[in-house]
């Protein structure tokens, strides 16, 4: 397995194995720069932007669930982190549904 620094230093036409392992090749430099936590950084930025622009925590929770599920499917090494983010997003979505359901007096 070639590390990110070796991959950056060699120009052999393989581009870090992008032909055989596309997602792994894309994540190699990002994991190197973000210390193996790029998925968490990406998840946090997207969920915050969705929540900030919509003002609706249900949308943010659903978007977080989709991103966390995609992270777990794309990379087998981050299943533990993906499950934590999945539970966190699900909790936000359920919280929003409970508050809006019990907060109304119709």
PDB file of N, CA and C in Angstrom:
ATOM      1  N   UNK A   1       0.843  -1.183   0.000  1.00  0.00           N
ATOM      2  CA  UNK A   1       0.000   0.000   0.000  1.00  0.00           C
ATOM      3  C   UNK A   1       0.881   1.237   0.000  1.00  0.00           C
ATOM      4  N   UNK A   2       0.586   2.150  -0.863  1.00  0.00           N
ATOM      5  CA  UNK A   2       1.368   3.372  -1.006  1.00  0.00           C
ATOM      6  C   UNK A   2       0.764   4.440  -0.116  1.00  0.00           C
ATOM      7  N   UNK A   3       1.612   5.094   0.666  1.00  0.00           N
ATOM      8  CA  UNK A   3       1.115   6.163   1.523  1.00  0.00           C
ATOM      9  C   UNK A   3       0.897   7.420   0.693  1.00  0.00           C
ATOM     10  N   UNK A   4       0.257   8.400   1.297  1.00  0.00           N
ATOM     11  CA  UNK A   4      -0.058   9.624   0.573  1.00  0.00           C
ATOM     12  C   UNK A   4       1.197  10.384   0.192  1.00  0.00           C
ATOM     13  N   UNK A   5       2.202  10.417   1.068  1.00  0.00           N
ATOM     14  CA  UNK A   5       3.416  11.164   0.737  1.00  0.00           C
ATOM     15  C   UNK A   5       4.165  10.498  -0.406  1.00  0.00           C
ATOM     16  N   UNK A   6       4.217   9.175  -0.438  1.00  0.00           N
ATOM     17  CA  UNK A   6       4.848   8.473  -1.552  1.00  0.00           C
ATOM     18  C   UNK A   6       4.058   8.688  -2.839  1.00  0.00           C
ATOM     19  N   UNK A   7       2.765   8.730  -2.716  1.00  0.00           N
ATOM     20  CA  UNK A   7       1.902   8.915  -3.875  1.00  0.00           C
ATOM     21  C   UNK A   7       2.091  10.306  -4.476  1.00  0.00           C
ATOM     22  N   UNK A   8       2.300  11.305  -3.617  1.00  0.00           N
ATOM     23  CA  UNK A   8       2.518  12.667  -4.103  1.00  0.00           C
ATOM     24  C   UNK A   8       3.876  12.806  -4.777  1.00  0.00           C
ATOM     25  N   UNK A   9       4.852  12.039  -4.333  1.00  0.00           N
ATOM     26  CA  UNK A   9       6.211  12.191  -4.838  1.00  0.00           C
ATOM     27  C   UNK A   9       6.436  11.471  -6.149  1.00  0.00           C
ATOM     28  N   UNK A  10       5.662  10.432  -6.434  1.00  0.00           N
ATOM     29  CA  UNK A  10       5.850   9.651  -7.660  1.00  0.00           C
ATOM     30  C   UNK A  10       4.875  10.108  -8.741  1.00  0.00           C
ATOM     31  N   UNK A  11       5.399  10.267  -9.926  1.00  0.00           N
ATOM     32  CA  UNK A  11       4.552  10.531 -11.084  1.00  0.00           C
ATOM     33  C   UNK A  11       4.723   9.365 -12.046  1.00  0.00           C
ATOM     34  N   UNK A  12       4.045   8.281 -11.782  1.00  0.00           N
ATOM     35  CA  UNK A  12       4.205   7.071 -12.578  1.00  0.00           C
ATOM     36  C   UNK A  12       3.029   6.796 -13.508  1.00  0.00           C
ATOM     37  N   UNK A  13       2.091   7.701 -13.591  1.00  0.00           N
ATOM     38  CA  UNK A  13       0.935   7.512 -14.453  1.00  0.00           C
ATOM     39  C   UNK A  13      -0.202   6.736 -13.807  1.00  0.00           C
ATOM     40  N   UNK A  14      -0.014   6.234 -12.610  1.00  0.00           N
ATOM     41  CA  UNK A  14      -1.048   5.483 -11.912  1.00  0.00           C
ATOM     42  C   UNK A  14      -1.982   6.398 -11.118  1.00  0.00           C
ATOM     43  N   UNK A  15      -1.516   7.583 -10.781  1.00  0.00           N
ATOM     44  CA  UNK A  15      -2.303   8.554 -10.011  1.00  0.00           C
ATOM     45  C   UNK A  15      -2.871   7.934  -8.742  1.00  0.00           C
ATOM     46  N   UNK A  16      -1.985   7.323  -7.967  1.00  0.00           N
ATOM     47  CA  UNK A  16      -2.327   6.723  -6.665  1.00  0.00           C
ATOM     48  C   UNK A  16      -3.341   5.582  -6.800  1.00  0.00           C
ATOM     49  N   UNK A  17      -3.403   4.941  -7.940  1.00  0.00           N
ATOM     50  CA  UNK A  17      -4.317   3.814  -8.127  1.00  0.00           C
ATOM     51  C   UNK A  17      -5.742   4.226  -8.419  1.00  0.00           C
ATOM     52  N   UNK A  18      -5.925   5.337  -9.101  1.00  0.00           N
ATOM     53  CA  UNK A  18      -7.283   5.843  -9.342  1.00  0.00           C
ATOM     54  C   UNK A  18      -8.075   4.923 -10.271  1.00  0.00           C
ATOM     55  N   UNK A  19      -7.392   4.151 -11.089  1.00  0.00           N
ATOM     56  CA  UNK A  19      -8.099   3.238 -11.988  1.00  0.00           C
ATOM     57  C   UNK A  19      -8.654   2.018 -11.284  1.00  0.00           C
ATOM     58  N   UNK A  20      -7.976   1.556 -10.234  1.00  0.00           N
ATOM     59  CA  UNK A  20      -8.412   0.342  -9.543  1.00  0.00           C
ATOM     60  C   UNK A  20      -9.243   0.636  -8.304  1.00  0.00           C
ATOM     61  N   UNK A  21      -8.886   1.672  -7.556  1.00  0.00           N
ATOM     62  CA  UNK A  21      -9.610   2.030  -6.337  1.00  0.00           C
ATOM     63  C   UNK A  21      -9.879   3.526  -6.360  1.00  0.00           C
ATOM     64  N   UNK A  22     -10.950   3.915  -7.035  1.00  0.00           N
ATOM     65  CA  UNK A  22     -11.234   5.339  -7.253  1.00  0.00           C
ATOM     66  C   UNK A  22     -11.421   6.096  -5.948  1.00  0.00           C
ATOM     67  N   UNK A  23     -12.299   5.594  -5.074  1.00  0.00           N
ATOM     68  CA  UNK A  23     -12.590   6.310  -3.831  1.00  0.00           C
ATOM     69  C   UNK A  23     -11.367   6.357  -2.914  1.00  0.00           C
ATOM     70  N   UNK A  24     -10.603   5.279  -2.871  1.00  0.00           N
ATOM     71  CA  UNK A  24      -9.395   5.260  -2.061  1.00  0.00           C
ATOM     72  C   UNK A  24      -8.365   6.257  -2.553  1.00  0.00           C
ATOM     73  N   UNK A  25      -8.240   6.392  -3.880  1.00  0.00           N
ATOM     74  CA  UNK A  25      -7.293   7.344  -4.449  1.00  0.00           C
ATOM     75  C   UNK A  25      -7.722   8.784  -4.190  1.00  0.00           C
ATOM     76  N   UNK A  26      -9.005   9.044  -4.221  1.00  0.00           N
ATOM     77  CA  UNK A  26      -9.501  10.389  -3.945  1.00  0.00           C
ATOM     78  C   UNK A  26      -9.305  10.741  -2.466  1.00  0.00           C
ATOM     79  N   UNK A  27      -9.541   9.770  -1.590  1.00  0.00           N
ATOM     80  CA  UNK A  27      -9.472  10.032  -0.151  1.00  0.00           C
ATOM     81  C   UNK A  27      -8.037  10.083   0.390  1.00  0.00           C
ATOM     82  N   UNK A  28      -7.075   9.530  -0.337  1.00  0.00           N
ATOM     83  CA  UNK A  28      -5.704   9.485   0.154  1.00  0.00           C
ATOM     84  C   UNK A  28      -5.147  10.871   0.482  1.00  0.00           C
ATOM     85  N   UNK A  29      -5.184  11.839  -0.444  1.00  0.00           N
ATOM     86  CA  UNK A  29      -4.662  13.164  -0.085  1.00  0.00           C
ATOM     87  C   UNK A  29      -5.531  13.885   0.941  1.00  0.00           C
ATOM     88  N   UNK A  30      -6.845  13.687   0.881  1.00  0.00           N
ATOM     89  CA  UNK A  30      -7.720  14.359   1.834  1.00  0.00           C
ATOM     90  C   UNK A  30      -7.507  13.820   3.248  1.00  0.00           C
ATOM     91  N   UNK A  31      -7.337  12.508   3.376  1.00  0.00           N
ATOM     92  CA  UNK A  31      -7.043  11.924   4.689  1.00  0.00           C
ATOM     93  C   UNK A  31      -5.685  12.375   5.201  1.00  0.00           C
ATOM     94  N   UNK A  32      -4.742  12.548   4.308  1.00  0.00           N
ATOM     95  CA  UNK A  32      -3.413  13.026   4.716  1.00  0.00           C
ATOM     96  C   UNK A  32      -3.490  14.451   5.247  1.00  0.00           C
ATOM     97  N   UNK A  33      -4.232  15.309   4.556  1.00  0.00           N
ATOM     98  CA  UNK A  33      -4.316  16.702   4.964  1.00  0.00           C
ATOM     99  C   UNK A  33      -5.196  16.902   6.194  1.00  0.00           C
ATOM    100  N   UNK A  34      -6.242  16.110   6.347  1.00  0.00           N
ATOM    101  CA  UNK A  34      -7.176  16.267   7.466  1.00  0.00           C
ATOM    102  C   UNK A  34      -7.000  15.204   8.539  1.00  0.00           C
ATOM    103  N   UNK A  35      -5.873  14.496   8.547  1.00  0.00           N
ATOM    104  CA  UNK A  35      -5.529  13.518   9.587  1.00  0.00           C
ATOM    105  C   UNK A  35      -6.594  12.433   9.733  1.00  0.00           C
ATOM    106  N   UNK A  36      -6.986  11.822   8.624  1.00  0.00           N
ATOM    107  CA  UNK A  36      -7.941  10.705   8.577  1.00  0.00           C
ATOM    108  C   UNK A  36      -9.323  11.060   9.112  1.00  0.00           C
ATOM    109  N   UNK A  37      -9.687  12.311   9.076  1.00  0.00           N
ATOM    110  CA  UNK A  37     -11.023  12.684   9.547  1.00  0.00           C
ATOM    111  C   UNK A  37     -11.741  13.575   8.530  1.00  0.00           C
ATOM    112  N   UNK A  38     -11.443  13.403   7.252  1.00  0.00           N
ATOM    113  CA  UNK A  38     -12.087  14.240   6.247  1.00  0.00           C
ATOM    114  C   UNK A  38     -13.588  13.996   6.188  1.00  0.00           C
ATOM    115  N   UNK A  39     -14.019  12.758   6.376  1.00  0.00           N
ATOM    116  CA  UNK A  39     -15.451  12.472   6.343  1.00  0.00           C
ATOM    117  C   UNK A  39     -16.219  13.226   7.409  1.00  0.00           C
ATOM    118  N   UNK A  40     -15.634  13.321   8.595  1.00  0.00           N
ATOM    119  CA  UNK A  40     -16.286  14.052   9.687  1.00  0.00           C
ATOM    120  C   UNK A  40     -16.320  15.548   9.374  1.00  0.00           C
ATOM    121  N   UNK A  41     -15.238  16.083   8.828  1.00  0.00           N
ATOM    122  CA  UNK A  41     -15.191  17.503   8.470  1.00  0.00           C
ATOM    123  C   UNK A  41     -16.225  17.804   7.383  1.00  0.00           C
ATOM    124  N   UNK A  42     -16.283  16.951   6.358  1.00  0.00           N
ATOM    125  CA  UNK A  42     -17.242  17.129   5.270  1.00  0.00           C
ATOM    126  C   UNK A  42     -18.678  17.040   5.787  1.00  0.00           C
ATOM    127  N   UNK A  43     -18.944  16.031   6.631  1.00  0.00           N
ATOM    128  CA  UNK A  43     -20.277  15.853   7.212  1.00  0.00           C
ATOM    129  C   UNK A  43     -20.678  17.100   8.003  1.00  0.00           C
ATOM    130  N   UNK A  44     -19.780  17.590   8.834  1.00  0.00           N
ATOM    131  CA  UNK A  44     -20.089  18.748   9.672  1.00  0.00           C
ATOM    132  C   UNK A  44     -20.367  20.003   8.869  1.00  0.00           C
ATOM    133  N   UNK A  45     -19.562  20.230   7.832  1.00  0.00           N
ATOM    134  CA  UNK A  45     -19.746  21.431   7.014  1.00  0.00           C
ATOM    135  C   UNK A  45     -21.085  21.376   6.278  1.00  0.00           C
ATOM    136  N   UNK A  46     -21.396  20.252   5.664  1.00  0.00           N
ATOM    137  CA  UNK A  46     -22.644  20.136   4.895  1.00  0.00           C
ATOM    138  C   UNK A  46     -23.868  20.231   5.806  1.00  0.00           C
ATOM    139  N   UNK A  47     -23.842  19.536   6.934  1.00  0.00           N
ATOM    140  CA  UNK A  47     -24.982  19.571   7.848  1.00  0.00           C
ATOM    141  C   UNK A  47     -25.174  20.985   8.405  1.00  0.00           C
ATOM    142  N   UNK A  48     -24.097  21.664   8.738  1.00  0.00           N
ATOM    143  CA  UNK A  48     -24.212  23.032   9.249  1.00  0.00           C
ATOM    144  C   UNK A  48     -24.772  23.970   8.188  1.00  0.00           C
ATOM    145  N   UNK A  49     -24.300  23.845   6.950  1.00  0.00           N
ATOM    146  CA  UNK A  49     -24.795  24.722   5.883  1.00  0.00           C
ATOM    147  C   UNK A  49     -26.281  24.479   5.637  1.00  0.00           C
ATOM    148  N   UNK A  50     -26.699  23.210   5.594  1.00  0.00           N
ATOM    149  CA  UNK A  50     -28.123  22.896   5.375  1.00  0.00           C
ATOM    150  C   UNK A  50     -28.962  23.438   6.525  1.00  0.00           C
ATOM    151  N   UNK A  51     -28.511  23.225   7.759  1.00  0.00           N
ATOM    152  CA  UNK A  51     -29.274  23.710   8.910  1.00  0.00           C
ATOM    153  C   UNK A  51     -29.318  25.232   8.943  1.00  0.00           C
ATOM    154  N   UNK A  52     -28.219  25.881   8.629  1.00  0.00           N
ATOM    155  CA  UNK A  52     -28.147  27.340   8.706  1.00  0.00           C
ATOM    156  C   UNK A  52     -29.033  27.993   7.642  1.00  0.00           C
ATOM    157  N   UNK A  53     -29.034  27.433   6.438  1.00  0.00           N
ATOM    158  CA  UNK A  53     -29.814  28.052   5.361  1.00  0.00           C
ATOM    159  C   UNK A  53     -31.294  27.716   5.439  1.00  0.00           C
ATOM    160  N   UNK A  54     -31.625  26.516   5.907  1.00  0.00           N
ATOM    161  CA  UNK A  54     -33.042  26.154   5.956  1.00  0.00           C
ATOM    162  C   UNK A  54     -33.668  26.478   7.306  1.00  0.00           C
ATOM    163  N   UNK A  55     -32.873  26.458   8.364  1.00  0.00           N
ATOM    164  CA  UNK A  55     -33.414  26.674   9.698  1.00  0.00           C
ATOM    165  C   UNK A  55     -34.208  25.483  10.206  1.00  0.00           C
ATOM    166  N   UNK A  56     -34.144  24.377   9.500  1.00  0.00           N
ATOM    167  CA  UNK A  56     -34.927  23.200   9.834  1.00  0.00           C
ATOM    168  C   UNK A  56     -33.970  22.069  10.197  1.00  0.00           C
ATOM    169  N   UNK A  57     -34.021  21.625  11.426  1.00  0.00           N
ATOM    170  CA  UNK A  57     -33.100  20.577  11.855  1.00  0.00           C
ATOM    171  C   UNK A  57     -33.453  19.208  11.265  1.00  0.00           C
ATOM    172  N   UNK A  58     -34.679  19.029  10.805  1.00  0.00           N
ATOM    173  CA  UNK A  58     -35.044  17.762  10.162  1.00  0.00           C
ATOM    174  C   UNK A  58     -34.297  17.598   8.840  1.00  0.00           C
ATOM    175  N   UNK A  59     -34.234  18.654   8.040  1.00  0.00           N
ATOM    176  CA  UNK A  59     -33.478  18.588   6.793  1.00  0.00           C
ATOM    177  C   UNK A  59     -32.003  18.301   7.066  1.00  0.00           C
ATOM    178  N   UNK A  60     -31.462  18.957   8.077  1.00  0.00           N
ATOM    179  CA  UNK A  60     -30.053  18.738   8.425  1.00  0.00           C
ATOM    180  C   UNK A  60     -29.831  17.303   8.889  1.00  0.00           C
ATOM    181  N   UNK A  61     -30.753  16.756   9.658  1.00  0.00           N
ATOM    182  CA  UNK A  61     -30.638  15.385  10.120  1.00  0.00           C
ATOM    183  C   UNK A  61     -30.711  14.382   8.982  1.00  0.00           C
ATOM    184  N   UNK A  62     -31.631  14.614   8.050  1.00  0.00           N
ATOM    185  CA  UNK A  62     -31.757  13.716   6.898  1.00  0.00           C
ATOM    186  C   UNK A  62     -30.512  13.800   6.018  1.00  0.00           C
ATOM    187  N   UNK A  63     -29.995  14.996   5.805  1.00  0.00           N
ATOM    188  CA  UNK A  63     -28.776  15.144   5.006  1.00  0.00           C
ATOM    189  C   UNK A  63     -27.597  14.472   5.698  1.00  0.00           C
ATOM    190  N   UNK A  64     -27.521  14.599   7.012  1.00  0.00           N
ATOM    191  CA  UNK A  64     -26.464  13.937   7.771  1.00  0.00           C
ATOM    192  C   UNK A  64     -26.558  12.425   7.681  1.00  0.00           C
ATOM    193  N   UNK A  65     -27.779  11.893   7.725  1.00  0.00           N
ATOM    194  CA  UNK A  65     -27.972  10.447   7.584  1.00  0.00           C
ATOM    195  C   UNK A  65     -27.503   9.985   6.209  1.00  0.00           C
ATOM    196  N   UNK A  66     -27.835  10.721   5.171  1.00  0.00           N
ATOM    197  CA  UNK A  66     -27.420  10.347   3.817  1.00  0.00           C
ATOM    198  C   UNK A  66     -25.907  10.380   3.664  1.00  0.00           C
ATOM    199  N   UNK A  67     -25.260  11.411   4.189  1.00  0.00           N
ATOM    200  CA  UNK A  67     -23.806  11.519   4.068  1.00  0.00           C
ATOM    201  C   UNK A  67     -23.119  10.432   4.881  1.00  0.00           C
ATOM    202  N   UNK A  68     -23.586  10.179   6.098  1.00  0.00           N
ATOM    203  CA  UNK A  68     -22.974   9.142   6.934  1.00  0.00           C
ATOM    204  C   UNK A  68     -23.145   7.763   6.305  1.00  0.00           C
ATOM    205  N   UNK A  69     -24.305   7.505   5.719  1.00  0.00           N
ATOM    206  CA  UNK A  69     -24.519   6.218   5.044  1.00  0.00           C
ATOM    207  C   UNK A  69     -23.606   6.078   3.836  1.00  0.00           C
ATOM    208  N   UNK A  70     -23.462   7.151   3.087  1.00  0.00           N
ATOM    209  CA  UNK A  70     -22.566   7.128   1.932  1.00  0.00           C
ATOM    210  C   UNK A  70     -21.121   6.926   2.322  1.00  0.00           C
ATOM    211  N   UNK A  71     -20.720   7.524   3.439  1.00  0.00           N
ATOM    212  CA  UNK A  71     -19.349   7.332   3.919  1.00  0.00           C
ATOM    213  C   UNK A  71     -19.103   5.878   4.275  1.00  0.00           C
ATOM    214  N   UNK A  72     -20.060   5.243   4.929  1.00  0.00           N
ATOM    215  CA  UNK A  72     -19.873   3.849   5.344  1.00  0.00           C
ATOM    216  C   UNK A  72     -19.855   2.914   4.142  1.00  0.00           C
ATOM    217  N   UNK A  73     -20.635   3.211   3.123  1.00  0.00           N
ATOM    218  CA  UNK A  73     -20.657   2.360   1.935  1.00  0.00           C
ATOM    219  C   UNK A  73     -19.377   2.544   1.120  1.00  0.00           C
ATOM    220  N   UNK A  74     -18.890   3.789   1.029  1.00  0.00           N
ATOM    221  CA  UNK A  74     -17.734   4.080   0.187  1.00  0.00           C
ATOM    222  C   UNK A  74     -16.423   3.570   0.765  1.00  0.00           C
ATOM    223  N   UNK A  75     -16.297   3.552   2.088  1.00  0.00           N
ATOM    224  CA  UNK A  75     -15.023   3.182   2.702  1.00  0.00           C
ATOM    225  C   UNK A  75     -15.289   2.288   3.907  1.00  0.00           C
ATOM    226  N   UNK A  76     -14.781   1.070   3.855  1.00  0.00           N
ATOM    227  CA  UNK A  76     -15.019   0.112   4.937  1.00  0.00           C
ATOM    228  C   UNK A  76     -14.259   0.459   6.214  1.00  0.00           C
ATOM    229  N   UNK A  77     -13.234   1.299   6.122  1.00  0.00           N
ATOM    230  CA  UNK A  77     -12.408   1.609   7.284  1.00  0.00           C
ATOM    231  C   UNK A  77     -13.075   2.593   8.241  1.00  0.00           C
ATOM    232  N   UNK A  78     -14.097   3.304   7.800  1.00  0.00           N
ATOM    233  CA  UNK A  78     -14.710   4.340   8.633  1.00  0.00           C
ATOM    234  C   UNK A  78     -16.113   3.957   9.086  1.00  0.00           C
ATOM    235  N   UNK A  79     -16.377   2.680   9.196  1.00  0.00           N
ATOM    236  CA  UNK A  79     -17.723   2.248   9.587  1.00  0.00           C
ATOM    237  C   UNK A  79     -18.059   2.713  11.002  1.00  0.00           C
ATOM    238  N   UNK A  80     -17.108   2.663  11.912  1.00  0.00           N
ATOM    239  CA  UNK A  80     -17.360   3.111  13.287  1.00  0.00           C
ATOM    240  C   UNK A  80     -17.705   4.583  13.352  1.00  0.00           C
ATOM    241  N   UNK A  81     -16.937   5.413  12.659  1.00  0.00           N
ATOM    242  CA  UNK A  81     -17.211   6.849  12.631  1.00  0.00           C
ATOM    243  C   UNK A  81     -18.529   7.115  11.920  1.00  0.00           C
ATOM    244  N   UNK A  82     -18.780   6.389  10.838  1.00  0.00           N
ATOM    245  CA  UNK A  82     -20.045   6.553  10.118  1.00  0.00           C
ATOM    246  C   UNK A  82     -21.247   6.208  10.973  1.00  0.00           C
ATOM    247  N   UNK A  83     -21.128   5.165  11.791  1.00  0.00           N
ATOM    248  CA  UNK A  83     -22.240   4.802  12.680  1.00  0.00           C
ATOM    249  C   UNK A  83     -22.487   5.876  13.731  1.00  0.00           C
ATOM    250  N   UNK A  84     -21.416   6.453  14.270  1.00  0.00           N
ATOM    251  CA  UNK A  84     -21.577   7.539  15.244  1.00  0.00           C
ATOM    252  C   UNK A  84     -22.277   8.724  14.601  1.00  0.00           C
ATOM    253  N   UNK A  85     -21.860   9.103  13.397  1.00  0.00           N
ATOM    254  CA  UNK A  85     -22.497  10.221  12.704  1.00  0.00           C
ATOM    255  C   UNK A  85     -23.931   9.883  12.311  1.00  0.00           C
ATOM    256  N   UNK A  86     -24.173   8.628  11.981  1.00  0.00           N
ATOM    257  CA  UNK A  86     -25.532   8.186  11.647  1.00  0.00           C
ATOM    258  C   UNK A  86     -26.457   8.304  12.853  1.00  0.00           C
ATOM    259  N   UNK A  87     -25.984   7.868  14.004  1.00  0.00           N
ATOM    260  CA  UNK A  87     -26.787   7.966  15.239  1.00  0.00           C
ATOM    261  C   UNK A  87     -27.019   9.434  15.599  1.00  0.00           C
ATOM    262  N   UNK A  88     -25.984  10.254  15.460  1.00  0.00           N
ATOM    263  CA  UNK A  88     -26.123  11.679  15.777  1.00  0.00           C
ATOM    264  C   UNK A  88     -27.134  12.345  14.856  1.00  0.00           C
ATOM    265  N   UNK A  89     -27.065  12.064  13.561  1.00  0.00           N
ATOM    266  CA  UNK A  89     -28.020  12.651  12.613  1.00  0.00           C
ATOM    267  C   UNK A  89     -29.430  12.135  12.861  1.00  0.00           C
ATOM    268  N   UNK A  90     -29.554  10.853  13.142  1.00  0.00           N
ATOM    269  CA  UNK A  90     -30.872  10.295  13.446  1.00  0.00           C
ATOM    270  C   UNK A  90     -31.472  10.895  14.697  1.00  0.00           C
ATOM    271  N   UNK A  91     -30.633  11.144  15.696  1.00  0.00           N
ATOM    272  CA  UNK A  91     -31.111  11.773  16.930  1.00  0.00           C
ATOM    273  C   UNK A  91     -31.620  13.178  16.660  1.00  0.00           C
ATOM    274  N   UNK A  92     -30.907  13.934  15.825  1.00  0.00           N
ATOM    275  CA  UNK A  92     -31.352  15.291  15.482  1.00  0.00           C
ATOM    276  C   UNK A  92     -32.685  15.237  14.748  1.00  0.00           C
ATOM    277  N   UNK A  93     -32.835  14.308  13.821  1.00  0.00           N
ATOM    278  CA  UNK A  93     -34.083  14.198  13.061  1.00  0.00           C
ATOM    279  C   UNK A  93     -35.252  13.790  13.963  1.00  0.00           C
ATOM    280  N   UNK A  94     -35.031  12.817  14.839  1.00  0.00           N
ATOM    281  CA  UNK A  94     -36.093  12.377  15.752  1.00  0.00           C
ATOM    282  C   UNK A  94     -36.454  13.491  16.726  1.00  0.00           C
ATOM    283  N   UNK A  95     -35.457  14.210  17.229  1.00  0.00           N
ATOM    284  CA  UNK A  95     -35.705  15.344  18.123  1.00  0.00           C
ATOM    285  C   UNK A  95     -36.597  16.377  17.444  1.00  0.00           C
ATOM    286  N   UNK A  96     -36.292  16.687  16.183  1.00  0.00           N
ATOM    287  CA  UNK A  96     -37.097  17.665  15.462  1.00  0.00           C
ATOM    288  C   UNK A  96     -38.536  17.181  15.299  1.00  0.00           C
ATOM    289  N   UNK A  97     -38.693  15.904  14.974  1.00  0.00           N
ATOM    290  CA  UNK A  97     -40.046  15.373  14.790  1.00  0.00           C
ATOM    291  C   UNK A  97     -40.827  15.373  16.099  1.00  0.00           C
ATOM    292  N   UNK A  98     -40.174  15.032  17.212  1.00  0.00           N
ATOM    293  CA  UNK A  98     -40.870  15.022  18.503  1.00  0.00           C
ATOM    294  C   UNK A  98     -41.239  16.429  18.965  1.00  0.00           C
ATOM    295  N   UNK A  99     -40.342  17.374  18.786  1.00  0.00           N
ATOM    296  CA  UNK A  99     -40.624  18.749  19.214  1.00  0.00           C
ATOM    297  C   UNK A  99     -41.763  19.339  18.394  1.00  0.00           C
ATOM    298  N   UNK A 100     -41.760  19.113  17.102  1.00  0.00           N
ATOM    299  CA  UNK A 100     -42.832  19.664  16.275  1.00  0.00           C
ATOM    300  C   UNK A 100     -44.147  18.941  16.477  1.00  0.00           C
ATOM    301  N   UNK A 101     -44.103  17.674  16.829  1.00  0.00           N
ATOM    302  CA  UNK A 101     -45.338  16.932  17.049  1.00  0.00           C
ATOM    303  C   UNK A 101     -45.955  17.303  18.403  1.00  0.00           C
ATOM    304  N   UNK A 102     -45.154  17.391  19.439  1.00  0.00           N
ATOM    305  CA  UNK A 102     -45.695  17.686  20.773  1.00  0.00           C
ATOM    306  C   UNK A 102     -45.857  19.181  21.027  1.00  0.00           C
ATOM    307  N   UNK A 103     -45.225  20.014  20.206  1.00  0.00           N
ATOM    308  CA  UNK A 103     -45.299  21.453  20.429  1.00  0.00           C
ATOM    309  C   UNK A 103     -46.570  22.075  19.923  1.00  0.00           C
ATOM    310  N   UNK A 104     -47.298  21.382  19.077  1.00  0.00           N
ATOM    311  CA  UNK A 104     -48.519  21.948  18.487  1.00  0.00           C
ATOM    312  C   UNK A 104     -49.742  21.571  19.312  1.00  0.00           C
ATOM    313  N   UNK A 105     -50.630  22.521  19.412  1.00  0.00           N
ATOM    314  CA  UNK A 105     -51.905  22.268  20.071  1.00  0.00           C
ATOM    315  C   UNK A 105     -52.997  22.555  19.045  1.00  0.00           C
ATOM    316  N   UNK A 106     -53.294  21.555  18.220  1.00  0.00           N
ATOM    317  CA  UNK A 106     -54.307  21.739  17.169  1.00  0.00           C
ATOM    318  C   UNK A 106     -55.604  21.084  17.538  1.00  0.00           C
TER     319      UNK A 106
END
